[in-house]
């Protein structure tokens, strides 16, 4: 049994069909004017991309009105219209209002052009076809919205799963990293307890172990706290005019024991002319030292590391290069993510929680700078580049006096075997 709406669709209305097809562009312009009056904030959207599917829909509906059988081409155009409205951020109410405005515009225009009132069947036919379009547009719009919601939920679930996995990995690494220095500390305590007061060599050696491992524990805890402080916006920088050579000198001093232990050679190149930045000295030392530590840990014993400082235009550029493990291309964009380590990195690394590079990136950003990573791939070494804005040229006399001192940093040679 054929429904009333199917009967209405099947009736030919050739006259109004031809008028709509011939004047589709004019009707869209009239619709735009009315739509903008009702929704001023949508003016740009109505007059640009969003109106493009309405002429196609009107022409398809016009051809369907002139046929003696039900034609659904206008629904396909309406589906495109609904999809476009979703992609452009239209609300569902705005989508429906589009067609309500169009219905008014079409009815008013036809009555003016025909110079007569539309018949009941003509009005019904226009209503049925526009209702078809509304249903088709809503269906496509809702399908796109539901897919977007499902996609967002999938991404959220994947992100939560990844965060949970990273948390578990971090807790495992944290336990391992904290346990590593505790073992030699306990051993040193036992030596002190059992050693003779006259055995000064054993007592001094044990004390040095406790001091060294305690400092390592402090660094681990400080890194964790620093990341947390930056995340909460509570890390305060004490900026001053600093010659980068001072930063390099202190950072090299900090990592020299690790380099010597791993029999690695490092070359350092600092220009004779001072390169001055507005920065927190301790934090810049922390940045460079972390990069050097990272290079050392992921470079085989006996490997090479280079540290260079240059001036490029209005930027100070610090580069740390090694010939170690390297980084796969798919990891280059992730090395600064919290708790991230390169697969297989434990081959060389002497431990780590995946915090160091995250901390480097956030500290550099705190100084209005950038840090990037580059590598030719696994086994090809890596290079980290820090760029910082150079301080203004005007400096007080005290700063000038300090900057004129050129620090000669000697390369750390391989210890003799």
Protein backbone atom coordinates (compact mmCIF):
# COMPACT_ATOMS: atom_id res chain seq x y z
CA UNK A 1 0.00 0.00 0.00
CA UNK A 2 1.39 3.35 -1.05
CA UNK A 3 1.61 6.03 1.66
CA UNK A 4 0.19 9.53 1.18
CA UNK A 5 3.70 10.99 1.06
CA UNK A 6 4.66 8.58 -1.74
CA UNK A 7 1.58 9.64 -3.69
CA UNK A 8 2.52 13.30 -3.25
CA UNK A 9 6.08 12.61 -4.40
CA UNK A 10 4.79 10.82 -7.50
CA UNK A 11 2.59 13.71 -8.61
CA UNK A 12 4.14 15.91 -11.32
CA UNK A 13 4.41 19.63 -10.61
CA UNK A 14 6.17 20.71 -13.75
CA UNK A 15 5.60 24.45 -13.47
CA UNK A 16 7.07 24.96 -10.00
CA UNK A 17 9.75 22.39 -10.78
CA UNK A 18 11.02 24.42 -13.75
CA UNK A 19 10.89 27.66 -11.77
CA UNK A 20 12.96 26.19 -8.94
CA UNK A 21 15.53 24.65 -11.29
CA UNK A 22 15.92 27.84 -13.32
CA UNK A 23 16.17 30.14 -10.29
CA UNK A 24 18.04 27.92 -7.81
CA UNK A 25 20.94 30.37 -7.44
CA UNK A 26 18.58 33.30 -6.84
CA UNK A 27 16.71 31.32 -4.18
CA UNK A 28 19.97 30.49 -2.40
CA UNK A 29 20.90 34.18 -2.35
CA UNK A 30 17.49 35.01 -0.85
CA UNK A 31 18.01 32.22 1.66
CA UNK A 32 21.42 33.62 2.57
CA UNK A 33 19.96 37.05 3.27
CA UNK A 34 17.23 35.61 5.51
CA UNK A 35 19.63 33.20 7.24
CA UNK A 36 22.15 35.93 8.01
CA UNK A 37 19.40 38.11 9.46
CA UNK A 38 18.44 35.31 11.83
CA UNK A 39 21.99 34.13 12.61
CA UNK A 40 24.42 37.11 12.28
CA UNK A 41 27.32 35.09 13.67
CA UNK A 42 26.97 32.66 10.76
CA UNK A 43 27.35 35.34 8.08
CA UNK A 44 30.75 34.21 6.84
CA UNK A 45 29.74 30.55 6.81
CA UNK A 46 26.49 31.19 4.94
CA UNK A 47 28.25 33.23 2.26
CA UNK A 48 31.14 30.86 1.73
CA UNK A 49 31.36 27.08 1.70
CA UNK A 50 28.19 26.21 3.57
CA UNK A 51 25.78 27.38 0.86
CA UNK A 52 27.44 25.38 -1.92
CA UNK A 53 25.22 22.28 -1.63
CA UNK A 54 21.90 24.11 -1.54
CA UNK A 55 21.76 24.91 -5.29
CA UNK A 56 22.40 21.23 -6.06
CA UNK A 57 19.68 20.23 -3.62
CA UNK A 58 17.18 22.73 -5.08
CA UNK A 59 17.83 21.57 -8.63
CA UNK A 60 17.51 17.92 -7.64
CA UNK A 61 14.24 18.69 -5.84
CA UNK A 62 13.02 20.70 -8.86
CA UNK A 63 13.65 17.75 -11.19
CA UNK A 64 11.89 15.42 -8.76
CA UNK A 65 8.86 17.75 -8.67
CA UNK A 66 8.62 17.63 -12.44
CA UNK A 67 8.77 13.84 -12.67
CA UNK A 68 5.80 11.46 -12.63
CA UNK A 69 7.60 9.06 -10.28
CA UNK A 70 9.29 9.42 -6.93
CA UNK A 71 12.91 10.53 -7.41
CA UNK A 72 15.28 10.66 -4.43
CA UNK A 73 18.28 12.49 -5.94
CA UNK A 74 17.56 15.48 -3.69
CA UNK A 75 18.14 13.28 -0.65
CA UNK A 76 21.70 12.55 -1.77
CA UNK A 77 22.34 16.31 -2.06
CA UNK A 78 20.76 16.76 1.37
CA UNK A 79 23.05 14.09 2.81
CA UNK A 80 26.05 16.02 1.53
CA UNK A 81 24.57 19.17 3.05
CA UNK A 82 24.22 17.46 6.44
CA UNK A 83 27.77 16.14 6.33
CA UNK A 84 29.10 19.56 5.40
CA UNK A 85 27.15 21.19 8.24
CA UNK A 86 28.70 18.73 10.72
CA UNK A 87 32.23 19.29 9.43
CA UNK A 88 31.75 23.07 9.67
CA UNK A 89 30.59 22.98 13.28
CA UNK A 90 26.89 23.64 12.71
CA UNK A 91 24.54 22.57 15.50
CA UNK A 92 21.63 20.23 14.75
CA UNK A 93 19.16 23.04 15.50
CA UNK A 94 20.95 25.31 13.00
CA UNK A 95 20.82 22.54 10.40
CA UNK A 96 17.05 22.15 10.79
CA UNK A 97 16.57 25.91 10.78
CA UNK A 98 18.42 26.05 7.43
CA UNK A 99 15.61 24.07 5.83
CA UNK A 100 12.86 25.91 7.65
CA UNK A 101 14.20 29.18 6.28
CA UNK A 102 14.54 27.63 2.83
CA UNK A 103 10.93 26.46 2.93
CA UNK A 104 9.71 30.00 3.69
CA UNK A 105 11.92 31.52 0.99
CA UNK A 106 10.74 29.03 -1.67
CA UNK A 107 7.05 29.46 -0.82
CA UNK A 108 7.27 33.27 -0.82
CA UNK A 109 9.25 33.33 -4.08
CA UNK A 110 6.92 30.98 -5.96
CA UNK A 111 3.82 32.92 -4.94
CA UNK A 112 5.44 36.16 -6.12
CA UNK A 113 6.59 34.71 -9.46
CA UNK A 114 3.38 32.76 -10.16
CA UNK A 115 1.22 35.68 -9.10
CA UNK A 116 -1.14 33.22 -7.48
CA UNK A 117 -1.42 31.15 -4.36
CA UNK A 118 0.08 27.70 -4.45
CA UNK A 119 -2.35 24.82 -4.52
CA UNK A 120 -2.70 22.53 -1.55
CA UNK A 121 -0.99 19.68 -3.47
CA UNK A 122 1.89 21.93 -4.56
CA UNK A 123 2.43 23.08 -0.97
CA UNK A 124 2.25 19.48 0.22
CA UNK A 125 4.76 18.39 -2.42
CA UNK A 126 7.25 21.08 -1.43
CA UNK A 127 6.77 20.15 2.23
CA UNK A 128 7.31 16.43 1.58
CA UNK A 129 10.50 16.98 -0.44
CA UNK A 130 11.96 19.40 2.12
CA UNK A 131 11.01 17.01 4.93
CA UNK A 132 12.86 14.30 3.01
CA UNK A 133 15.88 16.58 2.85
CA UNK A 134 15.71 17.37 6.57
CA UNK A 135 15.55 13.66 7.41
CA UNK A 136 18.47 12.85 5.09
CA UNK A 137 20.60 15.70 6.39
CA UNK A 138 19.87 14.85 10.01
CA UNK A 139 20.64 11.19 9.40
CA UNK A 140 24.05 12.02 7.89
CA UNK A 141 24.75 14.68 10.49
CA UNK A 142 23.95 12.32 13.38
CA UNK A 143 25.95 9.48 11.81
CA UNK A 144 28.98 11.76 11.56
CA UNK A 145 28.45 13.00 15.10
CA UNK A 146 28.09 9.47 16.48
CA UNK A 147 31.23 8.37 14.65
CA UNK A 148 33.10 11.37 16.02
CA UNK A 149 31.90 10.57 19.55
CA UNK A 150 32.91 6.91 19.17
CA UNK A 151 36.27 7.92 17.73
CA UNK A 152 36.85 10.34 20.60
CA UNK A 153 35.92 7.62 23.09
CA UNK A 154 38.29 5.17 21.40
CA UNK A 155 41.08 7.74 21.48
CA UNK A 156 40.33 8.55 25.10
CA UNK A 157 40.32 4.86 26.05
CA UNK A 158 43.59 4.31 24.17
CA UNK A 159 45.12 7.36 25.86
CA UNK A 160 44.01 6.19 29.30
CA UNK A 161 45.39 2.73 28.58
CA UNK A 162 48.68 4.25 27.43
CA UNK A 163 48.84 6.49 30.49
CA UNK A 164 48.13 3.53 32.74
CA UNK A 165 50.85 1.50 31.02
CA UNK A 166 53.30 4.38 31.28
CA UNK A 167 52.41 4.82 34.95
CA UNK A 168 53.06 1.14 35.63
CA UNK A 169 56.33 1.27 33.70
CA UNK A 170 57.31 4.43 35.55
CA UNK A 171 56.59 2.91 38.95
CA UNK A 172 58.64 -0.14 38.03
CA UNK A 173 61.53 2.04 36.79
CA UNK A 174 61.23 4.29 39.83
CA UNK A 175 61.55 1.32 42.18
CA UNK A 176 64.53 0.06 40.20
CA UNK A 177 66.21 3.47 40.07
CA UNK A 178 65.73 4.12 43.79
CA UNK A 179 66.92 0.64 44.72
CA UNK A 180 70.12 0.91 42.68
CA UNK A 181 71.78 3.59 44.86
CA UNK A 182 70.33 2.19 48.09
CA UNK A 183 72.25 -1.07 47.79
CA UNK A 184 75.74 0.52 47.74
CA UNK A 185 74.65 2.95 50.49
CA UNK A 186 73.68 0.04 52.76
CA UNK A 187 76.92 -1.74 51.92
CA UNK A 188 78.91 1.40 52.75
CA UNK A 189 77.05 1.75 56.07
CA UNK A 190 77.97 -1.82 57.00
CA UNK A 191 81.62 -1.12 56.13
CA UNK A 192 81.61 1.95 58.38
CA UNK A 193 79.99 -0.04 61.18
CA UNK A 194 82.49 -2.88 60.98
CA UNK A 195 85.66 -0.99 60.06
CA UNK A 196 88.31 -0.13 62.59
CA UNK A 197 88.45 3.57 63.51
CA UNK A 198 92.06 3.50 62.39
CA UNK A 199 91.14 2.20 58.90
CA UNK A 200 90.73 5.68 57.43
CA UNK A 201 90.90 4.50 53.82
CA UNK A 202 87.88 2.22 54.21
CA UNK A 203 85.93 4.88 56.09
CA UNK A 204 86.66 7.57 53.48
CA UNK A 205 85.82 5.23 50.62
CA UNK A 206 82.53 4.22 52.22
CA UNK A 207 81.67 7.87 52.94
CA UNK A 208 82.33 8.79 49.31
CA UNK A 209 80.01 6.01 48.17
CA UNK A 210 77.25 7.27 50.46
CA UNK A 211 77.73 10.85 49.30
CA UNK A 212 77.80 9.92 45.61
CA UNK A 213 74.75 7.67 45.74
CA UNK A 214 72.83 10.11 47.94
CA UNK A 215 73.42 12.85 45.35
CA UNK A 216 72.10 10.49 42.68
CA UNK A 217 68.94 9.94 44.75
CA UNK A 218 68.52 13.68 45.17
CA UNK A 219 68.81 14.20 41.39
CA UNK A 220 66.13 11.57 40.73
CA UNK A 221 63.73 13.14 43.21
CA UNK A 222 64.51 16.66 41.96
CA UNK A 223 63.72 15.66 38.37
CA UNK A 224 60.35 14.25 39.42
CA UNK A 225 59.53 17.33 41.46
CA UNK A 226 60.67 19.72 38.71
CA UNK A 227 58.38 18.10 36.13
CA UNK A 228 55.50 18.33 38.61
CA UNK A 229 56.25 21.99 39.39
CA UNK A 230 56.36 22.95 35.72
CA UNK A 231 53.10 21.08 35.11
CA UNK A 232 51.44 23.12 37.87
CA UNK A 233 53.09 26.35 36.72
CA UNK A 234 54.98 26.71 40.00
CA UNK A 235 58.54 26.65 38.72
CA UNK A 236 60.08 30.09 39.15
CA UNK A 237 63.09 31.14 37.08
CA UNK A 238 65.68 33.52 38.47
CA UNK A 239 66.85 35.11 35.26
CA UNK A 240 70.02 37.11 34.83
CA UNK A 241 72.48 37.94 32.05
CA UNK A 242 74.62 34.82 31.56
CA UNK A 243 77.48 33.99 29.23
CA UNK A 244 76.80 30.53 27.82
CA UNK A 245 80.43 29.58 28.34
CA UNK A 246 79.75 29.61 32.08
CA UNK A 247 76.83 27.24 31.56
CA UNK A 248 78.92 24.89 29.43
CA UNK A 249 81.74 24.81 31.96
CA UNK A 250 79.45 23.86 34.85
CA UNK A 251 77.50 21.29 32.81
CA UNK A 252 80.72 19.59 31.66
CA UNK A 253 81.98 19.46 35.23
CA UNK A 254 78.74 17.79 36.29
CA UNK A 255 78.94 14.96 33.73
CA UNK A 256 82.70 14.43 33.68
CA UNK A 257 82.56 11.51 36.17
CA UNK A 258 80.05 9.63 33.99
CA UNK A 259 82.11 10.22 30.84
CA UNK A 260 85.27 9.01 32.54
CA UNK A 261 83.50 5.96 33.92
CA UNK A 262 82.29 5.01 30.43
CA UNK A 263 85.64 5.86 28.77
CA UNK A 264 83.95 8.30 26.40
CA UNK A 265 85.61 11.19 24.64
CA UNK A 266 83.90 14.57 24.37
CA UNK A 267 84.89 17.58 22.31
CA UNK A 268 83.64 21.02 23.33
CA UNK A 269 83.57 24.05 21.06
CA UNK A 270 82.66 27.46 22.48
CA UNK A 271 83.21 30.69 20.49
CA UNK A 272 85.67 33.25 21.86
CA UNK A 273 83.08 36.03 21.70
CA UNK A 274 80.57 35.88 24.57
CA UNK A 275 77.03 34.72 23.80
CA UNK A 276 74.77 36.22 26.43
CA UNK A 277 71.25 35.12 27.29
CA UNK A 278 68.66 36.10 29.89
CA UNK A 279 68.25 32.88 31.82
CA UNK A 280 68.32 31.02 35.10
CA UNK A 281 71.89 29.75 35.39
CA UNK A 282 71.12 26.61 37.39
CA UNK A 283 68.32 25.63 35.00
CA UNK A 284 70.45 26.12 31.88
CA UNK A 285 73.17 23.99 33.47
CA UNK A 286 70.48 21.41 34.19
CA UNK A 287 69.37 21.47 30.53
CA UNK A 288 72.85 20.97 29.08
CA UNK A 289 73.87 18.44 31.74
CA UNK A 290 70.73 16.38 31.08
CA UNK A 291 71.45 16.33 27.35
CA UNK A 292 75.07 15.28 27.98
CA UNK A 293 73.94 12.61 30.44
CA UNK A 294 71.45 11.36 27.89
CA UNK A 295 74.13 11.24 25.18
CA UNK A 296 76.51 9.37 27.47
CA UNK A 297 73.95 6.82 28.63
CA UNK A 298 72.88 5.95 25.09
CA UNK A 299 76.38 5.85 23.61
CA UNK A 300 78.53 2.74 23.87
CA UNK A 301 81.57 2.83 26.18
CA UNK A 302 84.46 4.46 24.33
CA UNK A 303 82.06 6.42 22.10
CA UNK A 304 82.29 10.07 21.06
CA UNK A 305 80.19 13.05 22.12
CA UNK A 306 80.43 16.63 20.89
CA UNK A 307 79.10 19.82 22.43
CA UNK A 308 79.06 23.03 20.38
CA UNK A 309 77.78 26.54 20.98
CA UNK A 310 77.07 28.96 18.11
CA UNK A 311 75.27 32.18 17.41
CA UNK A 312 72.78 32.17 14.54
CA UNK A 313 71.12 35.53 13.91
CA UNK A 314 69.44 36.46 17.21
CA UNK A 315 69.60 32.97 18.68
CA UNK A 316 72.11 31.07 20.79
CA UNK A 317 72.38 27.48 19.56
CA UNK A 318 73.65 24.59 21.68
CA UNK A 319 74.12 21.22 19.99
CA UNK A 320 74.85 17.88 21.66
CA UNK A 321 75.84 15.14 19.23
CA UNK A 322 76.75 11.48 19.87
CA UNK A 323 77.57 8.40 17.80
CA UNK A 324 75.52 6.07 19.96
CA UNK A 325 72.29 4.14 19.83
CA UNK A 326 70.41 6.57 17.58
CA UNK A 327 66.66 7.04 17.39
CA UNK A 328 64.24 5.39 14.93
CA UNK A 329 62.35 7.89 12.78
CA UNK A 330 59.00 6.91 14.29
CA UNK A 331 60.32 7.85 17.74
CA UNK A 332 61.70 11.30 16.89
CA UNK A 333 58.42 13.04 17.70
CA UNK A 334 58.00 11.13 20.98
CA UNK A 335 61.39 11.33 22.68
CA UNK A 336 60.27 14.37 24.70
CA UNK A 337 57.11 12.65 25.96
CA UNK A 338 57.04 11.84 29.66
CA UNK A 339 58.28 8.35 30.59
CA UNK A 340 59.27 7.57 26.97
CA UNK A 341 62.38 5.56 26.20
CA UNK A 342 63.67 4.32 22.85
CA UNK A 343 63.05 0.60 22.37
CA UNK A 344 66.19 -1.36 23.06
CA UNK A 345 67.82 1.59 24.79
CA UNK A 346 68.77 -0.53 27.79
CA UNK A 347 71.50 -2.03 25.65
CA UNK A 348 73.64 0.99 26.56
CA UNK A 349 71.69 2.98 29.13
CA UNK A 350 72.61 2.80 32.76
CA UNK A 351 69.03 3.27 33.84
CA UNK A 352 66.60 6.15 33.62
CA UNK A 353 62.94 6.95 34.09
CA UNK A 354 62.17 8.72 30.84
CA UNK A 355 61.97 12.09 32.59
CA UNK A 356 65.19 13.83 31.55
CA UNK A 357 64.25 14.88 28.02
CA UNK A 358 60.76 15.93 29.09
CA UNK A 359 62.34 18.15 31.71
CA UNK A 360 64.78 19.56 29.13
CA UNK A 361 61.95 20.49 26.76
CA UNK A 362 59.85 22.15 29.44
CA UNK A 363 62.76 24.10 30.89
CA UNK A 364 63.79 25.29 27.42
CA UNK A 365 60.21 26.42 26.74
CA UNK A 366 60.25 28.26 30.08
CA UNK A 367 63.17 30.25 28.61
CA UNK A 368 61.20 31.02 25.40
CA UNK A 369 63.41 28.63 23.47
CA UNK A 370 63.02 25.40 21.49
CA UNK A 371 64.68 22.00 21.56
CA UNK A 372 64.66 19.53 18.67
CA UNK A 373 66.02 16.07 18.04
CA UNK A 374 67.46 14.54 14.89
CA UNK A 375 68.83 11.12 14.06
CA UNK A 376 69.60 9.17 10.91
CA UNK A 377 68.13 6.08 12.56
CA UNK A 378 69.04 3.19 14.82
CA UNK A 379 72.78 2.94 15.36
CA UNK A 380 73.44 6.28 13.67
CA UNK A 381 73.74 8.48 16.75
CA UNK A 382 71.58 11.50 17.53
CA UNK A 383 71.74 15.26 17.84
CA UNK A 384 69.79 17.52 20.17
CA UNK A 385 69.62 21.24 19.38
CA UNK A 386 68.60 23.92 21.87
CA UNK A 387 67.82 27.43 20.62
CA UNK A 388 67.54 30.35 23.02
CA UNK A 389 66.94 34.06 22.35
CA UNK A 390 70.06 36.16 22.77
CA UNK A 391 69.87 38.93 25.37
CA UNK A 392 69.73 42.59 24.32
CA UNK A 393 73.00 44.28 23.37
CA UNK A 394 72.95 46.79 26.27
CA UNK A 395 74.61 45.38 29.35
CA UNK A 396 75.78 46.92 32.56
CA UNK A 397 79.50 47.15 33.19
CA UNK A 398 79.54 44.27 35.65
CA UNK A 399 77.97 41.94 33.10
CA UNK A 400 80.35 43.10 30.39
CA UNK A 401 83.33 42.39 32.63
CA UNK A 402 82.05 38.89 33.26
CA UNK A 403 81.20 38.22 29.63
CA UNK A 404 84.66 39.17 28.42
CA UNK A 405 86.14 36.23 30.21
CA UNK A 406 86.45 33.43 27.68
CA UNK A 407 86.31 30.05 29.23
CA UNK A 408 88.55 27.47 27.59
CA UNK A 409 86.93 24.11 27.98
CA UNK A 410 89.33 21.27 27.32
CA UNK A 411 88.19 18.09 25.63
CA UNK A 412 87.81 15.21 27.98
CA UNK A 413 90.19 12.53 26.68
CA UNK A 414 89.77 8.83 27.12
CA UNK A 415 91.44 7.71 30.33
CA UNK A 416 94.45 5.53 29.74
CA UNK A 417 93.90 1.90 30.41
